Amino acid sequence: MKTDFVTNGRRIYQQVVEKMLVLLDSGDYPPGVRLPSERELSQMFAVSRPSVREAIIALEVMGRVTVRTGSGVYVIEPVGIFTDSMDFSPFELTEARVLVEGETAALAATMITEAQLEDLRNAYRDMVRENEEGNLTSERADRKFHEVISRATNNRVLMSTIDKLWDIQKHSPDVQAVHKSVCKKDGQKRLAEHKAILQALENRDANAARRTMRLHFNRSLNALHDASEAKAVEVVRREVSERRKRFSIDRLGGASDL
């Protein structure tokens, strides 16, 4: 099998990584299996052997393969600190995204290519289209937007970390609920926030990129606080209601005897 690649501003090895992840996730190469040789992978993906080598390094950093000297490259079961997303509070997740993605945007502003900027514009246009179609809570174009920014850093650790943070969000009911409420509340505000990030990157302004990315998460943090406060008020109200029922004259025999 040979695959034709269109660069779209991405380095070849990154595209090989994406293709390999599809094969790994589909079960074509389950844990414990040895991958084809470097030469065979080079022929399979129609790329140079150095590109394959870089892709293997990236997969090893992601914890998807292990290289055994003299034996080959073996698929391993993905294990990491992000395995159980329920262990993380929505506040922890949002705080991490503020810090990590703010600095990622700042770094990307100094390195992003014209091709990647066009990818970013396309992702923004997809978000606009989703809004126009009334699909305000979709994460498809939103995630693509943030992934383009992470790729622009050429830092595989940042790319992997941000990808994992999105996966945690996807499986966190509290964060999902807040995300949907924020998006439904003001779709135009969400677009304006992403437009500001895009413009900062177009201007290659690291400080503005950091600031606009952090402001983007500010609404989510405020929504989390509001939701947490509302939930706490509801718990207290329910406890008071139950206490009224428990310690009432009617329950003790009725007020008619007084």
C-alpha atoms as a PDB file:
ATOM      1  CA  MET A   1       0.000   0.000   0.000  1.00  0.00           C
ATOM      2  CA  LYS A   2       1.340   3.437  -0.902  1.00  0.00           C
ATOM      3  CA  THR A   3      -0.054   6.692   0.380  1.00  0.00           C
ATOM      4  CA  ASP A   4       0.203  10.062  -1.331  1.00  0.00           C
ATOM      5  CA  PHE A   5       0.855  12.951   1.054  1.00  0.00           C
ATOM      6  CA  VAL A   6      -0.029  16.609   0.712  1.00  0.00           C
ATOM      7  CA  THR A   7       2.095  18.626   3.120  1.00  0.00           C
ATOM      8  CA  ASN A   8      -0.430  21.362   4.065  1.00  0.00           C
ATOM      9  CA  GLY A   9       2.359  23.021   6.021  1.00  0.00           C
ATOM     10  CA  ARG A  10       3.102  19.947   8.086  1.00  0.00           C
ATOM     11  CA  ARG A  11       6.381  18.103   8.115  1.00  0.00           C
ATOM     12  CA  ILE A  12       6.275  14.686   6.452  1.00  0.00           C
ATOM     13  CA  TYR A  13       7.004  12.743   9.629  1.00  0.00           C
ATOM     14  CA  GLN A  14       3.936  14.292  11.295  1.00  0.00           C
ATOM     15  CA  GLN A  15       1.765  12.924   8.528  1.00  0.00           C
ATOM     16  CA  VAL A  16       3.369   9.499   8.931  1.00  0.00           C
ATOM     17  CA  VAL A  17       2.583   9.664  12.657  1.00  0.00           C
ATOM     18  CA  GLU A  18      -1.081  10.379  11.923  1.00  0.00           C
ATOM     19  CA  LYS A  19      -1.266   7.460   9.478  1.00  0.00           C
ATOM     20  CA  MET A  20       0.434   5.141  11.946  1.00  0.00           C
ATOM     21  CA  LEU A  21      -1.906   6.163  14.772  1.00  0.00           C
ATOM     22  CA  VAL A  22      -4.873   5.234  12.579  1.00  0.00           C
ATOM     23  CA  LEU A  23      -3.367   1.771  12.034  1.00  0.00           C
ATOM     24  CA  LEU A  24      -2.592   1.339  15.737  1.00  0.00           C
ATOM     25  CA  ASP A  25      -6.019   2.522  16.896  1.00  0.00           C
ATOM     26  CA  SER A  26      -7.803   0.327  14.342  1.00  0.00           C
ATOM     27  CA  GLY A  27      -6.104  -2.777  15.722  1.00  0.00           C
ATOM     28  CA  ASP A  28      -4.098  -3.561  12.587  1.00  0.00           C
ATOM     29  CA  TYR A  29      -1.034  -3.582  14.829  1.00  0.00           C
ATOM     30  CA  PRO A  30      -2.191  -4.604  18.348  1.00  0.00           C
ATOM     31  CA  PRO A  31       0.014  -4.314  21.468  1.00  0.00           C
ATOM     32  CA  GLY A  32       2.918  -6.755  21.425  1.00  0.00           C
ATOM     33  CA  VAL A  33       3.217  -6.884  17.646  1.00  0.00           C
ATOM     34  CA  ARG A  34       6.457  -5.856  15.944  1.00  0.00           C
ATOM     35  CA  LEU A  35       6.046  -3.141  13.318  1.00  0.00           C
ATOM     36  CA  PRO A  36       7.365  -3.594   9.777  1.00  0.00           C
ATOM     37  CA  SER A  37      10.975  -2.592   9.256  1.00  0.00           C
ATOM     38  CA  GLU A  38      12.011   0.994   8.589  1.00  0.00           C
ATOM     39  CA  ARG A  39      12.505   0.143   4.916  1.00  0.00           C
ATOM     40  CA  GLU A  40       9.061  -1.460   4.651  1.00  0.00           C
ATOM     41  CA  LEU A  41       7.371   1.493   6.347  1.00  0.00           C
ATOM     42  CA  SER A  42       9.212   3.839   4.027  1.00  0.00           C
ATOM     43  CA  GLN A  43       7.795   1.971   1.032  1.00  0.00           C
ATOM     44  CA  MET A  44       4.355   1.679   2.621  1.00  0.00           C
ATOM     45  CA  PHE A  45       3.996   5.432   3.114  1.00  0.00           C
ATOM     46  CA  ALA A  46       6.097   6.494   0.110  1.00  0.00           C
ATOM     47  CA  VAL A  47       8.404   8.651   2.242  1.00  0.00           C
ATOM     48  CA  SER A  48      12.090   8.687   3.082  1.00  0.00           C
ATOM     49  CA  ARG A  49      13.552   6.501   5.813  1.00  0.00           C
ATOM     50  CA  PRO A  50      14.616   9.555   7.910  1.00  0.00           C
ATOM     51  CA  SER A  51      10.945  10.648   7.969  1.00  0.00           C
ATOM     52  CA  VAL A  52       9.943   7.174   9.168  1.00  0.00           C
ATOM     53  CA  ARG A  53      12.660   7.363  11.810  1.00  0.00           C
ATOM     54  CA  GLU A  54      11.323  10.688  13.101  1.00  0.00           C
ATOM     55  CA  ALA A  55       7.788   9.304  13.155  1.00  0.00           C
ATOM     56  CA  ILE A  56       8.915   6.322  15.256  1.00  0.00           C
ATOM     57  CA  ILE A  57      10.584   8.699  17.729  1.00  0.00           C
ATOM     58  CA  ALA A  58       7.340  10.689  17.978  1.00  0.00           C
ATOM     59  CA  LEU A  59       5.296   7.519  18.564  1.00  0.00           C
ATOM     60  CA  GLU A  60       7.763   6.457  21.245  1.00  0.00           C
ATOM     61  CA  VAL A  61       7.372   9.835  23.000  1.00  0.00           C
ATOM     62  CA  MET A  62       3.581   9.372  22.848  1.00  0.00           C
ATOM     63  CA  GLY A  63       3.955   6.015  24.555  1.00  0.00           C
ATOM     64  CA  ARG A  64       2.568   4.027  21.636  1.00  0.00           C
ATOM     65  CA  VAL A  65       5.674   2.029  20.656  1.00  0.00           C
ATOM     66  CA  THR A  66       8.941   0.878  22.201  1.00  0.00           C
ATOM     67  CA  VAL A  67      12.226   0.459  20.345  1.00  0.00           C
ATOM     68  CA  ARG A  68      14.190  -2.691  21.236  1.00  0.00           C
ATOM     69  CA  THR A  69      17.765  -2.485  20.027  1.00  0.00           C
ATOM     70  CA  GLY A  70      18.574  -5.308  17.643  1.00  0.00           C
ATOM     71  CA  SER A  71      14.977  -6.530  17.630  1.00  0.00           C
ATOM     72  CA  GLY A  72      12.741  -3.832  16.189  1.00  0.00           C
ATOM     73  CA  VAL A  73       9.864  -1.520  17.059  1.00  0.00           C
ATOM     74  CA  TYR A  74       7.008  -2.994  19.081  1.00  0.00           C
ATOM     75  CA  VAL A  75       3.505  -1.688  19.736  1.00  0.00           C
ATOM     76  CA  ILE A  76       2.695  -1.178  23.410  1.00  0.00           C
ATOM     77  CA  GLU A  77      -0.518  -0.590  25.320  1.00  0.00           C
ATOM     78  CA  PRO A  78      -0.986   3.178  25.724  1.00  0.00           C
ATOM     79  CA  VAL A  79      -0.627   4.020  29.402  1.00  0.00           C
ATOM     80  CA  GLY A  80      -0.296   7.444  30.963  1.00  0.00           C
ATOM     81  CA  ILE A  81      -1.430   9.901  33.580  1.00  0.00           C
ATOM     82  CA  PHE A  82      -4.472  10.705  31.448  1.00  0.00           C
ATOM     83  CA  THR A  83      -5.914   7.172  31.452  1.00  0.00           C
ATOM     84  CA  ASP A  84      -8.822   7.974  33.783  1.00  0.00           C
ATOM     85  CA  SER A  85     -10.190  11.428  33.025  1.00  0.00           C
ATOM     86  CA  MET A  86     -12.645  11.142  35.899  1.00  0.00           C
ATOM     87  CA  ASP A  87      -9.716  11.644  38.314  1.00  0.00           C
ATOM     88  CA  PHE A  88      -9.422  15.282  37.245  1.00  0.00           C
ATOM     89  CA  SER A  89     -11.715  18.112  38.275  1.00  0.00           C
ATOM     90  CA  PRO A  90     -13.032  20.462  35.566  1.00  0.00           C
ATOM     91  CA  PHE A  91     -11.197  23.316  37.305  1.00  0.00           C
ATOM     92  CA  GLU A  92      -7.878  21.434  37.098  1.00  0.00           C
ATOM     93  CA  LEU A  93      -8.432  20.708  33.418  1.00  0.00           C
ATOM     94  CA  THR A  94      -9.338  24.296  32.525  1.00  0.00           C
ATOM     95  CA  GLU A  95      -6.437  25.690  34.553  1.00  0.00           C
ATOM     96  CA  ALA A  96      -4.056  23.333  32.745  1.00  0.00           C
ATOM     97  CA  ARG A  97      -5.402  24.414  29.368  1.00  0.00           C
ATOM     98  CA  VAL A  98      -5.011  28.100  30.271  1.00  0.00           C
ATOM     99  CA  LEU A  99      -1.358  27.561  31.164  1.00  0.00           C
ATOM    100  CA  VAL A 100      -0.364  25.062  28.477  1.00  0.00           C
ATOM    101  CA  GLU A 101      -2.310  26.472  25.542  1.00  0.00           C
ATOM    102  CA  GLY A 102      -1.470  30.070  26.424  1.00  0.00           C
ATOM    103  CA  GLU A 103       2.248  29.371  26.190  1.00  0.00           C
ATOM    104  CA  THR A 104       1.745  27.115  23.175  1.00  0.00           C
ATOM    105  CA  ALA A 105       0.039  29.960  21.316  1.00  0.00           C
ATOM    106  CA  ALA A 106       2.887  32.316  22.233  1.00  0.00           C
ATOM    107  CA  LEU A 107       5.479  29.879  20.883  1.00  0.00           C
ATOM    108  CA  ALA A 108       3.414  29.145  17.774  1.00  0.00           C
ATOM    109  CA  ALA A 109       3.202  32.864  16.980  1.00  0.00           C
ATOM    110  CA  THR A 110       6.961  32.930  16.479  1.00  0.00           C
ATOM    111  CA  MET A 111       7.120  29.781  14.330  1.00  0.00           C
ATOM    112  CA  ILE A 112       3.856  29.347  12.423  1.00  0.00           C
ATOM    113  CA  THR A 113       4.142  29.007   8.634  1.00  0.00           C
ATOM    114  CA  GLU A 114       1.903  30.588   6.019  1.00  0.00           C
ATOM    115  CA  ALA A 115       0.501  27.157   5.181  1.00  0.00           C
ATOM    116  CA  GLN A 116      -0.371  26.560   8.835  1.00  0.00           C
ATOM    117  CA  LEU A 117      -1.973  29.984   9.043  1.00  0.00           C
ATOM    118  CA  GLU A 118      -4.180  28.984   6.124  1.00  0.00           C
ATOM    119  CA  ASP A 119      -5.084  25.765   7.975  1.00  0.00           C
ATOM    120  CA  LEU A 120      -5.997  27.919  10.969  1.00  0.00           C
ATOM    121  CA  ARG A 121      -8.161  30.190   8.823  1.00  0.00           C
ATOM    122  CA  ASN A 122      -9.916  27.152   7.363  1.00  0.00           C
ATOM    123  CA  ALA A 123     -10.626  25.817  10.849  1.00  0.00           C
ATOM    124  CA  TYR A 124     -12.053  29.216  11.813  1.00  0.00           C
ATOM    125  CA  ARG A 125     -14.226  29.246   8.690  1.00  0.00           C
ATOM    126  CA  ASP A 126     -15.512  25.799   9.666  1.00  0.00           C
ATOM    127  CA  MET A 127     -16.472  27.184  13.074  1.00  0.00           C
ATOM    128  CA  VAL A 128     -18.327  30.064  11.410  1.00  0.00           C
ATOM    129  CA  ARG A 129     -20.145  27.564   9.189  1.00  0.00           C
ATOM    130  CA  GLU A 130     -21.125  25.442  12.170  1.00  0.00           C
ATOM    131  CA  ASN A 131     -22.527  28.528  13.891  1.00  0.00           C
ATOM    132  CA  GLU A 132     -24.526  29.490  10.820  1.00  0.00           C
ATOM    133  CA  GLU A 133     -25.963  25.975  10.677  1.00  0.00           C
ATOM    134  CA  GLY A 134     -26.978  26.197  14.330  1.00  0.00           C
ATOM    135  CA  ASN A 135     -24.442  23.588  15.416  1.00  0.00           C
ATOM    136  CA  LEU A 136     -23.136  25.703  18.275  1.00  0.00           C
ATOM    137  CA  THR A 137     -21.797  22.925  20.489  1.00  0.00           C
ATOM    138  CA  SER A 138     -19.675  21.039  17.948  1.00  0.00           C
ATOM    139  CA  GLU A 139     -16.039  20.549  18.961  1.00  0.00           C
ATOM    140  CA  ARG A 140     -14.802  19.335  15.567  1.00  0.00           C
ATOM    141  CA  ALA A 141     -13.635  22.661  14.095  1.00  0.00           C
ATOM    142  CA  ASP A 142     -12.724  24.005  17.554  1.00  0.00           C
ATOM    143  CA  ARG A 143     -10.376  21.099  18.229  1.00  0.00           C
ATOM    144  CA  LYS A 144      -8.895  21.381  14.733  1.00  0.00           C
ATOM    145  CA  PHE A 145      -8.176  25.076  15.403  1.00  0.00           C
ATOM    146  CA  HIS A 146      -6.252  24.316  18.598  1.00  0.00           C
ATOM    147  CA  GLU A 147      -4.433  21.343  17.036  1.00  0.00           C
ATOM    148  CA  VAL A 148      -3.110  23.512  14.199  1.00  0.00           C
ATOM    149  CA  ILE A 149      -1.657  25.887  16.788  1.00  0.00           C
ATOM    150  CA  SER A 150       0.018  23.037  18.680  1.00  0.00           C
ATOM    151  CA  ARG A 151       1.517  21.635  15.454  1.00  0.00           C
ATOM    152  CA  ALA A 152       2.955  25.051  14.637  1.00  0.00           C
ATOM    153  CA  THR A 153       5.262  24.775  17.668  1.00  0.00           C
ATOM    154  CA  ASN A 154       7.036  21.728  16.174  1.00  0.00           C
ATOM    155  CA  ASN A 155       7.163  20.445  19.755  1.00  0.00           C
ATOM    156  CA  ARG A 156       5.902  16.877  19.987  1.00  0.00           C
ATOM    157  CA  VAL A 157       5.442  17.000  23.752  1.00  0.00           C
ATOM    158  CA  LEU A 158       3.157  20.044  23.489  1.00  0.00           C
ATOM    159  CA  MET A 159       1.257  18.445  20.619  1.00  0.00           C
ATOM    160  CA  SER A 160       0.704  15.244  22.582  1.00  0.00           C
ATOM    161  CA  THR A 161      -0.205  17.083  25.810  1.00  0.00           C
ATOM    162  CA  ILE A 162      -2.838  19.260  24.156  1.00  0.00           C
ATOM    163  CA  ASP A 163      -4.275  16.250  22.360  1.00  0.00           C
ATOM    164  CA  LYS A 164      -4.604  14.459  25.711  1.00  0.00           C
ATOM    165  CA  LEU A 165      -6.212  17.505  27.347  1.00  0.00           C
ATOM    166  CA  TRP A 166      -8.864  17.471  24.621  1.00  0.00           C
ATOM    167  CA  ASP A 167      -9.444  13.772  25.239  1.00  0.00           C
ATOM    168  CA  ILE A 168      -9.964  14.443  28.951  1.00  0.00           C
ATOM    169  CA  GLN A 169     -12.456  17.194  28.128  1.00  0.00           C
ATOM    170  CA  LYS A 170     -14.303  14.847  25.795  1.00  0.00           C
ATOM    171  CA  HIS A 171     -14.829  12.350  28.631  1.00  0.00           C
ATOM    172  CA  SER A 172     -15.538  14.842  31.431  1.00  0.00           C
ATOM    173  CA  PRO A 173     -19.334  15.281  31.901  1.00  0.00           C
ATOM    174  CA  ASP A 174     -18.939  18.472  33.961  1.00  0.00           C
ATOM    175  CA  VAL A 175     -16.658  20.149  31.424  1.00  0.00           C
ATOM    176  CA  GLN A 176     -18.848  19.019  28.533  1.00  0.00           C
ATOM    177  CA  ALA A 177     -21.922  20.499  30.218  1.00  0.00           C
ATOM    178  CA  VAL A 178     -20.168  23.826  30.796  1.00  0.00           C
ATOM    179  CA  HIS A 179     -18.741  23.838  27.251  1.00  0.00           C
ATOM    180  CA  LYS A 180     -22.190  23.360  25.739  1.00  0.00           C
ATOM    181  CA  SER A 181     -23.765  26.018  27.956  1.00  0.00           C
ATOM    182  CA  VAL A 182     -21.051  28.550  27.063  1.00  0.00           C
ATOM    183  CA  CYS A 183     -21.352  27.819  23.341  1.00  0.00           C
ATOM    184  CA  LYS A 184     -25.149  28.011  23.355  1.00  0.00           C
ATOM    185  CA  LYS A 185     -25.135  31.193  25.405  1.00  0.00           C
ATOM    186  CA  ASP A 186     -23.146  33.277  22.918  1.00  0.00           C
ATOM    187  CA  GLY A 187     -21.871  31.634  19.747  1.00  0.00           C
ATOM    188  CA  GLN A 188     -20.721  34.970  18.349  1.00  0.00           C
ATOM    189  CA  LYS A 189     -18.563  35.638  21.404  1.00  0.00           C
ATOM    190  CA  ARG A 190     -16.889  32.264  20.910  1.00  0.00           C
ATOM    191  CA  LEU A 191     -16.127  33.151  17.298  1.00  0.00           C
ATOM    192  CA  ALA A 192     -14.769  36.554  18.312  1.00  0.00           C
ATOM    193  CA  GLU A 193     -12.383  34.910  20.784  1.00  0.00           C
ATOM    194  CA  HIS A 194     -11.011  32.564  18.124  1.00  0.00           C
ATOM    195  CA  LYS A 195     -10.776  35.420  15.619  1.00  0.00           C
ATOM    196  CA  ALA A 196      -8.639  37.383  18.090  1.00  0.00           C
ATOM    197  CA  ILE A 197      -6.324  34.388  18.530  1.00  0.00           C
ATOM    198  CA  LEU A 198      -6.050  34.002  14.766  1.00  0.00           C
ATOM    199  CA  GLN A 199      -5.198  37.670  14.283  1.00  0.00           C
ATOM    200  CA  ALA A 200      -2.508  37.510  16.990  1.00  0.00           C
ATOM    201  CA  LEU A 201      -0.902  34.567  15.202  1.00  0.00           C
ATOM    202  CA  GLU A 202      -1.197  36.291  11.821  1.00  0.00           C
ATOM    203  CA  ASN A 203       0.624  39.263  13.355  1.00  0.00           C
ATOM    204  CA  ARG A 204       3.177  36.866  14.876  1.00  0.00           C
ATOM    205  CA  ASP A 205       2.641  38.624  18.200  1.00  0.00           C
ATOM    206  CA  ALA A 206       3.552  36.164  20.966  1.00  0.00           C
ATOM    207  CA  ASN A 207       2.239  38.331  23.818  1.00  0.00           C
ATOM    208  CA  ALA A 208      -1.085  38.921  22.090  1.00  0.00           C
ATOM    209  CA  ALA A 209      -1.376  35.213  21.258  1.00  0.00           C
ATOM    210  CA  ARG A 210      -0.835  34.275  24.907  1.00  0.00           C
ATOM    211  CA  ARG A 211      -3.284  36.926  26.128  1.00  0.00           C
ATOM    212  CA  THR A 212      -6.087  36.124  23.666  1.00  0.00           C
ATOM    213  CA  MET A 213      -5.779  32.385  24.298  1.00  0.00           C
ATOM    214  CA  ARG A 214      -6.050  32.899  28.050  1.00  0.00           C
ATOM    215  CA  LEU A 215      -9.020  35.230  27.633  1.00  0.00           C
ATOM    216  CA  HIS A 216     -10.669  32.538  25.517  1.00  0.00           C
ATOM    217  CA  PHE A 217     -10.683  30.211  28.532  1.00  0.00           C
ATOM    218  CA  ASN A 218     -11.813  32.940  30.925  1.00  0.00           C
ATOM    219  CA  ARG A 219     -15.490  32.460  30.030  1.00  0.00           C
ATOM    220  CA  SER A 220     -15.208  28.724  30.651  1.00  0.00           C
ATOM    221  CA  LEU A 221     -13.664  29.329  34.080  1.00  0.00           C
ATOM    222  CA  ASN A 222     -16.402  31.808  35.000  1.00  0.00           C
ATOM    223  CA  ALA A 223     -19.061  29.375  33.773  1.00  0.00           C
ATOM    224  CA  LEU A 224     -17.509  26.627  35.906  1.00  0.00           C
ATOM    225  CA  HIS A 225     -17.652  28.889  38.969  1.00  0.00           C
ATOM    226  CA  ASP A 226     -21.283  29.796  38.233  1.00  0.00           C
ATOM    227  CA  ALA A 227     -22.244  26.149  37.738  1.00  0.00           C
ATOM    228  CA  SER A 228     -20.422  25.117  40.919  1.00  0.00           C
ATOM    229  CA  GLU A 229     -22.119  27.882  42.899  1.00  0.00           C
ATOM    230  CA  ALA A 230     -25.555  26.985  41.540  1.00  0.00           C
ATOM    231  CA  LYS A 231     -24.969  23.340  42.382  1.00  0.00           C
ATOM    232  CA  ALA A 232     -23.922  24.225  45.936  1.00  0.00           C
ATOM    233  CA  VAL A 233     -27.005  26.431  46.406  1.00  0.00           C
ATOM    234  CA  GLU A 234     -29.239  23.626  45.155  1.00  0.00           C
ATOM    235  CA  VAL A 235     -27.644  21.149  47.592  1.00  0.00           C
ATOM    236  CA  VAL A 236     -28.212  23.537  50.533  1.00  0.00           C
ATOM    237  CA  ARG A 237     -31.795  24.216  49.415  1.00  0.00           C
ATOM    238  CA  ARG A 238     -32.493  20.482  49.218  1.00  0.00           C
ATOM    239  CA  GLU A 239     -30.967  19.877  52.656  1.00  0.00           C
ATOM    240  CA  VAL A 240     -33.079  22.666  54.186  1.00  0.00           C
ATOM    241  CA  SER A 241     -36.202  21.255  52.528  1.00  0.00           C
ATOM    242  CA  GLU A 242     -35.491  17.773  53.888  1.00  0.00           C
ATOM    243  CA  ARG A 243     -34.837  19.213  57.346  1.00  0.00           C
ATOM    244  CA  ARG A 244     -38.156  21.077  57.284  1.00  0.00           C
ATOM    245  CA  LYS A 245     -39.942  17.841  56.454  1.00  0.00           C
ATOM    246  CA  ARG A 246     -38.075  15.924  59.145  1.00  0.00           C
ATOM    247  CA  PHE A 247     -38.577  18.433  61.951  1.00  0.00           C
ATOM    248  CA  SER A 248     -42.122  19.691  61.345  1.00  0.00           C
ATOM    249  CA  ILE A 249     -45.143  19.980  63.615  1.00  0.00           C
ATOM    250  CA  ASP A 250     -47.266  18.182  61.015  1.00  0.00           C
ATOM    251  CA  ARG A 251     -44.942  15.184  61.131  1.00  0.00           C
ATOM    252  CA  LEU A 252     -45.078  15.128  64.936  1.00  0.00           C
ATOM    253  CA  GLY A 253     -48.829  14.972  65.052  1.00  0.00           C
ATOM    254  CA  GLY A 254     -50.243  18.012  63.367  1.00  0.00           C
ATOM    255  CA  ALA A 255     -50.808  21.607  64.331  1.00  0.00           C
ATOM    256  CA  SER A 256     -54.482  21.009  65.152  1.00  0.00           C
ATOM    257  CA  ASP A 257     -53.515  19.764  68.640  1.00  0.00           C
ATOM    258  CA  LEU A 258     -51.910  23.101  69.547  1.00  0.00           C
END
